[in-house]
Amino acid sequence: MNDVISKLSPTRLAGMISGAEVLLAFGITAVIYLAIFGIDDNFWNVMTLAFIVPWVICVPANLYITRQRKQLIDMADKLKEAQEDLQQVNKDLQRRASIDGLTGLANREHFIKLFDERRLKSSHNVLMIVDADHFKNINDGYGHPVGDQALILLSSVFKRILRKNDLVGRIGGEEFGVLLPDTCKAEGEIIGEMVRHAIENTLFEPQEGVPHRITVSIGLTGVSPHEERALPMRNADSALFEAKRRGRNQCVLYTPGMREKPRPFYEAGNVQGPIPMRA
């Protein structure tokens, strides 16, 4: 009913309201006059005034009120649209702040945030760090736009191979992080091999008719729910370095005592200044 009324023009709505008010005023005046004076010589004169005067008063007043009401409704509709637009903009901003614009995967900050949240929900998790082999050769040989196409291809493989609850994000230029929840190390190795094999066998043509074989090296490690985040990250990175050292294009599971990836001198703990050259 309210929707029907709101669709009426202000003039028509004012006329309907005024008509109802005139009839009400006419009826009340008639009842009161008859109760007090009965039907006398002035009765119809009074009734005429009771009919005309409310029209003169009600029509302008109701027309003003209905126009004001229409403006308020229009303003409320515009405000609602503005709020919906603002909500959509906020969603877009949140998405841009958490999603890598090139691949559509989680960016580094969002991946780490979700990594910390999701690993607490399972006692058995596996972290994979996946790095594209010789990626610099693609950028240098074919240009960065072709390198971007290669990254998009890698992300499409992740989306196709990984399970629904797996978390994947771009954590570096050509480096990706993958959290496999509710997964033991043996299962993680199988999934890692599936990803590696799928990437190796996916056709990539930086130029028409010129195929380029893309491979990845993968470092894996188990993740306990309550250990410091730096530990599994470092272990997976060490396993990735070992995969690179062994010749690339392979998955390596971290084992205790595995050599860590060398770090630049300015990250080397308590070392002050440049590392001295050995003879």
Protein backbone atom coordinates (compact mmCIF):
# COMPACT_ATOMS: atom_id res chain seq x y z
CA MET A 1 0.00 0.00 0.00
CA ASN A 2 2.82 2.40 0.92
CA ASP A 3 4.55 1.68 -2.38
CA VAL A 4 1.37 2.53 -4.30
CA ILE A 5 0.94 5.81 -2.42
CA SER A 6 4.60 6.74 -2.87
CA LYS A 7 4.23 6.38 -6.65
CA LEU A 8 1.41 8.95 -6.84
CA SER A 9 2.26 12.48 -7.96
CA PRO A 10 2.24 15.16 -5.20
CA THR A 11 -0.75 16.92 -6.81
CA ARG A 12 -2.88 13.80 -7.01
CA LEU A 13 -1.93 12.71 -3.53
CA ALA A 14 -2.73 16.18 -2.14
CA GLY A 15 -6.14 16.07 -3.85
CA MET A 16 -6.97 12.66 -2.37
CA ILE A 17 -5.97 13.71 1.14
CA SER A 18 -7.80 17.03 0.86
CA GLY A 19 -10.96 15.26 -0.35
CA ALA A 20 -10.91 12.94 2.65
CA GLU A 21 -10.34 15.88 5.03
CA VAL A 22 -13.17 17.91 3.43
CA LEU A 23 -15.61 15.03 3.76
CA LEU A 24 -14.55 14.51 7.37
CA ALA A 25 -14.92 18.21 8.21
CA PHE A 26 -18.30 18.37 6.41
CA GLY A 27 -19.62 15.36 8.31
CA ILE A 28 -18.40 16.57 11.72
CA THR A 29 -19.81 20.06 11.13
CA ALA A 30 -23.19 18.62 10.11
CA VAL A 31 -23.39 16.37 13.16
CA ILE A 32 -22.45 19.15 15.59
CA TYR A 33 -24.79 21.72 14.00
CA LEU A 34 -27.73 19.32 13.95
CA ALA A 35 -27.07 18.34 17.54
CA ILE A 36 -27.08 21.96 18.69
CA PHE A 37 -29.40 23.85 16.32
CA GLY A 38 -31.20 21.26 14.29
CA ILE A 39 -32.22 22.05 10.72
CA ASP A 40 -32.89 25.77 10.46
CA ASP A 41 -32.57 28.54 7.85
CA ASN A 42 -28.76 28.74 8.27
CA PHE A 43 -28.10 25.00 8.03
CA TRP A 44 -27.28 24.90 4.30
CA ASN A 45 -25.29 28.09 4.45
CA VAL A 46 -23.14 26.58 7.18
CA MET A 47 -22.82 23.32 5.22
CA THR A 48 -21.72 25.25 2.14
CA LEU A 49 -19.01 26.96 4.14
CA ALA A 50 -18.08 23.62 5.75
CA PHE A 51 -17.50 22.28 2.25
CA ILE A 52 -15.68 25.24 0.68
CA VAL A 53 -13.44 26.45 3.53
CA PRO A 54 -11.65 23.08 4.07
CA TRP A 55 -10.86 22.94 0.34
CA VAL A 56 -9.33 26.42 0.48
CA ILE A 57 -7.21 25.50 3.51
CA CYS A 58 -6.38 21.85 2.88
CA VAL A 59 -5.41 21.86 -0.80
CA PRO A 60 -2.45 24.31 -0.53
CA ALA A 61 -1.34 22.82 2.79
CA ASN A 62 -1.49 19.23 1.57
CA LEU A 63 0.17 20.11 -1.73
CA TYR A 64 3.09 21.64 0.17
CA ILE A 65 3.32 18.67 2.55
CA THR A 66 3.17 16.04 -0.21
CA ARG A 67 5.84 17.86 -2.22
CA GLN A 68 8.08 17.99 0.84
CA ARG A 69 7.39 14.31 1.46
CA LYS A 70 8.30 13.51 -2.15
CA GLN A 71 11.58 15.39 -1.77
CA LEU A 72 12.36 13.49 1.45
CA ILE A 73 11.65 10.16 -0.26
CA ASP A 74 13.88 11.12 -3.19
CA MET A 75 16.64 12.17 -0.79
CA ALA A 76 16.28 8.91 1.14
CA ASP A 77 16.51 6.90 -2.10
CA LYS A 78 19.61 8.82 -3.17
CA LEU A 79 21.14 8.33 0.27
CA LYS A 80 20.46 4.60 0.07
CA GLU A 81 22.07 4.44 -3.37
CA ALA A 82 25.06 6.40 -2.09
CA GLN A 83 25.42 4.02 0.86
CA GLU A 84 25.28 1.01 -1.46
CA ASP A 85 27.87 2.59 -3.75
CA LEU A 86 30.08 3.34 -0.74
CA GLN A 87 29.78 -0.23 0.50
CA GLN A 88 30.77 -1.49 -2.93
CA VAL A 89 33.73 0.88 -3.03
CA ASN A 90 34.82 -0.33 0.43
CA LYS A 91 34.58 -3.94 -0.74
CA ASP A 92 36.65 -3.11 -3.83
CA LEU A 93 39.24 -1.33 -1.69
CA GLN A 94 39.43 -4.24 0.74
CA ARG A 95 39.82 -6.65 -2.15
CA ARG A 96 42.55 -4.56 -3.75
CA ALA A 97 44.32 -4.34 -0.40
CA SER A 98 44.36 -8.13 0.00
CA ILE A 99 44.55 -9.46 -3.56
CA ASP A 100 47.52 -9.39 -5.92
CA GLY A 101 46.31 -7.39 -8.91
CA LEU A 102 48.16 -9.47 -11.50
CA THR A 103 47.41 -13.05 -10.48
CA GLY A 104 44.22 -12.66 -8.45
CA LEU A 105 45.83 -14.57 -5.56
CA ALA A 106 46.30 -13.29 -2.02
CA ASN A 107 49.12 -10.77 -1.73
CA ARG A 108 51.97 -11.26 0.75
CA GLU A 109 50.37 -9.40 3.67
CA HIS A 110 47.01 -11.12 3.26
CA PHE A 111 48.63 -14.54 2.81
CA ILE A 112 50.58 -14.16 6.05
CA LYS A 113 47.46 -12.99 7.90
CA LEU A 114 45.42 -15.97 6.68
CA PHE A 115 48.37 -18.31 7.24
CA ASP A 116 48.47 -17.33 10.93
CA GLU A 117 44.70 -17.79 11.25
CA ARG A 118 44.26 -21.09 9.41
CA ARG A 119 47.24 -23.02 10.77
CA LEU A 120 45.71 -22.73 14.25
CA LYS A 121 42.68 -24.72 13.14
CA SER A 122 44.55 -27.93 12.35
CA SER A 123 47.30 -29.94 14.02
CA HIS A 124 48.74 -31.05 10.66
CA ASN A 125 49.58 -28.50 8.00
CA VAL A 126 52.11 -28.25 5.21
CA LEU A 127 53.71 -25.07 3.89
CA MET A 128 55.03 -24.94 0.35
CA ILE A 129 57.14 -22.17 -1.13
CA VAL A 130 57.10 -22.33 -4.92
CA ASP A 131 59.61 -20.40 -7.00
CA ALA A 132 59.77 -20.20 -10.80
CA ASP A 133 63.10 -21.42 -12.17
CA HIS A 134 65.25 -19.02 -14.22
CA PHE A 135 62.42 -16.50 -14.30
CA LYS A 136 64.85 -13.67 -14.94
CA ASN A 137 65.57 -15.22 -18.34
CA ILE A 138 61.91 -14.76 -19.32
CA ASN A 139 61.87 -11.10 -18.30
CA ASP A 140 65.23 -10.38 -19.92
CA GLY A 141 64.57 -12.39 -23.06
CA TYR A 142 60.95 -11.55 -23.81
CA GLY A 143 60.13 -8.53 -21.64
CA HIS A 144 58.24 -8.02 -18.40
CA PRO A 145 54.73 -8.19 -20.00
CA VAL A 146 55.54 -11.75 -21.09
CA GLY A 147 56.84 -12.42 -17.58
CA ASP A 148 53.48 -11.24 -16.25
CA GLN A 149 51.76 -13.73 -18.57
CA ALA A 150 53.93 -16.49 -17.13
CA LEU A 151 52.91 -15.53 -13.58
CA ILE A 152 49.26 -15.58 -14.59
CA LEU A 153 49.80 -19.05 -16.07
CA LEU A 154 51.32 -20.26 -12.78
CA SER A 155 48.39 -18.86 -10.81
CA SER A 156 45.93 -20.64 -13.12
CA VAL A 157 47.68 -23.94 -12.39
CA PHE A 158 47.42 -23.33 -8.63
CA LYS A 159 43.73 -22.59 -8.95
CA ARG A 160 43.20 -25.76 -10.98
CA ILE A 161 45.28 -28.18 -8.94
CA LEU A 162 44.93 -27.06 -5.35
CA ARG A 163 41.98 -27.97 -3.18
CA LYS A 164 39.18 -25.63 -2.15
CA ASN A 165 40.49 -25.06 1.39
CA ASP A 166 44.14 -24.63 0.39
CA LEU A 167 45.59 -21.15 0.73
CA VAL A 168 47.82 -19.74 -2.00
CA GLY A 169 49.35 -16.29 -2.36
CA ARG A 170 52.01 -14.43 -4.27
CA ILE A 171 54.64 -13.60 -1.65
CA GLY A 172 57.39 -12.34 -3.95
CA GLY A 173 58.09 -11.47 -7.56
CA GLU A 174 57.94 -15.04 -8.88
CA GLU A 175 57.57 -16.75 -5.50
CA PHE A 176 54.33 -18.21 -4.16
CA GLY A 177 53.30 -19.52 -0.76
CA VAL A 178 50.84 -22.38 -0.32
CA LEU A 179 49.35 -23.60 2.96
CA LEU A 180 47.83 -27.08 2.86
CA PRO A 181 45.60 -27.47 5.95
CA ASP A 182 44.75 -30.88 7.42
CA THR A 183 47.59 -32.37 5.41
CA CYS A 184 50.50 -34.61 6.44
CA LYS A 185 53.97 -34.26 4.95
CA ALA A 186 53.56 -37.27 2.65
CA GLU A 187 50.34 -35.84 1.24
CA GLY A 188 52.04 -32.47 0.88
CA GLU A 189 54.81 -34.03 -1.21
CA ILE A 190 52.22 -35.62 -3.50
CA ILE A 191 50.37 -32.32 -3.96
CA GLY A 192 53.67 -30.52 -4.55
CA GLU A 193 54.60 -33.02 -7.25
CA MET A 194 51.19 -32.58 -8.86
CA VAL A 195 51.71 -28.81 -9.00
CA ARG A 196 55.28 -29.14 -10.30
CA HIS A 197 54.26 -31.67 -12.97
CA ALA A 198 51.25 -29.61 -14.08
CA ILE A 199 53.36 -26.47 -14.49
CA GLU A 200 56.10 -28.32 -16.36
CA ASN A 201 53.56 -29.71 -18.82
CA THR A 202 51.55 -26.52 -19.35
CA LEU A 203 52.16 -24.93 -22.73
CA PHE A 204 53.61 -21.43 -22.55
CA GLU A 205 54.36 -19.50 -25.74
CA PRO A 206 56.01 -16.12 -25.12
CA GLN A 207 55.85 -15.68 -28.88
CA GLU A 208 53.54 -17.42 -31.32
CA GLY A 209 55.04 -20.75 -32.28
CA VAL A 210 57.89 -20.37 -29.78
CA PRO A 211 57.22 -22.58 -26.73
CA HIS A 212 59.09 -21.93 -23.49
CA ARG A 213 59.25 -24.58 -20.78
CA ILE A 214 58.45 -23.24 -17.33
CA THR A 215 59.51 -25.21 -14.28
CA VAL A 216 59.33 -24.53 -10.56
CA SER A 217 61.26 -25.55 -7.49
CA ILE A 218 59.26 -26.28 -4.35
CA GLY A 219 60.29 -26.37 -0.71
CA LEU A 220 57.95 -28.07 1.77
CA THR A 221 57.78 -28.31 5.54
CA GLY A 222 55.32 -29.35 8.20
CA VAL A 223 53.60 -26.59 10.17
CA SER A 224 52.56 -26.94 13.80
CA PRO A 225 49.71 -24.72 14.97
CA HIS A 226 51.51 -22.90 17.76
CA GLU A 227 55.11 -22.58 16.57
CA GLU A 228 56.47 -19.20 15.59
CA ARG A 229 55.64 -18.28 12.00
CA ALA A 230 59.30 -17.59 11.20
CA LEU A 231 60.24 -21.25 11.79
CA PRO A 232 58.15 -22.94 9.05
CA MET A 233 58.86 -20.03 6.71
CA ARG A 234 62.58 -20.49 7.23
CA ASN A 235 62.38 -24.27 6.93
CA ALA A 236 60.38 -24.12 3.68
CA ASP A 237 62.83 -21.56 2.34
CA SER A 238 65.75 -23.85 3.22
CA ALA A 239 64.04 -26.75 1.41
CA LEU A 240 63.46 -24.49 -1.59
CA PHE A 241 67.16 -23.55 -1.61
CA GLU A 242 68.03 -27.23 -1.50
CA ALA A 243 65.75 -27.89 -4.49
CA LYS A 244 67.54 -25.14 -6.39
CA ARG A 245 70.94 -26.50 -5.35
CA ARG A 246 70.02 -29.98 -6.58
CA GLY A 247 69.23 -28.72 -10.06
CA ARG A 248 65.76 -27.15 -9.83
CA ASN A 249 62.40 -28.48 -11.10
CA GLN A 250 61.79 -30.64 -8.05
CA CYS A 251 60.07 -30.78 -4.65
CA VAL A 252 62.17 -31.08 -1.52
CA LEU A 253 60.84 -31.76 1.98
CA TYR A 254 62.67 -30.03 4.79
CA THR A 255 64.70 -32.23 7.12
CA PRO A 256 66.49 -31.08 10.30
CA GLY A 257 70.00 -29.88 9.64
CA MET A 258 69.26 -28.84 6.06
CA ARG A 259 71.44 -25.94 4.96
CA GLU A 260 69.72 -22.56 5.11
CA LYS A 261 69.53 -20.20 2.18
CA PRO A 262 72.45 -17.76 2.27
CA ARG A 263 71.45 -14.26 3.33
CA PRO A 264 72.99 -10.91 2.42
CA PHE A 265 75.52 -9.57 4.89
CA TYR A 266 73.09 -6.89 6.12
CA GLU A 267 70.69 -9.65 7.26
CA ALA A 268 73.37 -11.85 8.79
CA GLY A 269 72.42 -11.53 12.46
CA ASN A 270 74.95 -9.69 14.59
CA VAL A 271 77.54 -9.20 11.90
CA GLN A 272 78.52 -5.54 11.85
CA GLY A 273 79.51 -4.04 8.52
CA PRO A 274 80.56 -5.97 5.40
CA ILE A 275 81.61 -9.61 5.74
CA PRO A 276 85.38 -9.72 5.31
CA MET A 277 86.73 -11.34 2.15
CA ARG A 278 88.57 -14.59 2.59
CA ALA A 279 91.90 -15.14 0.97
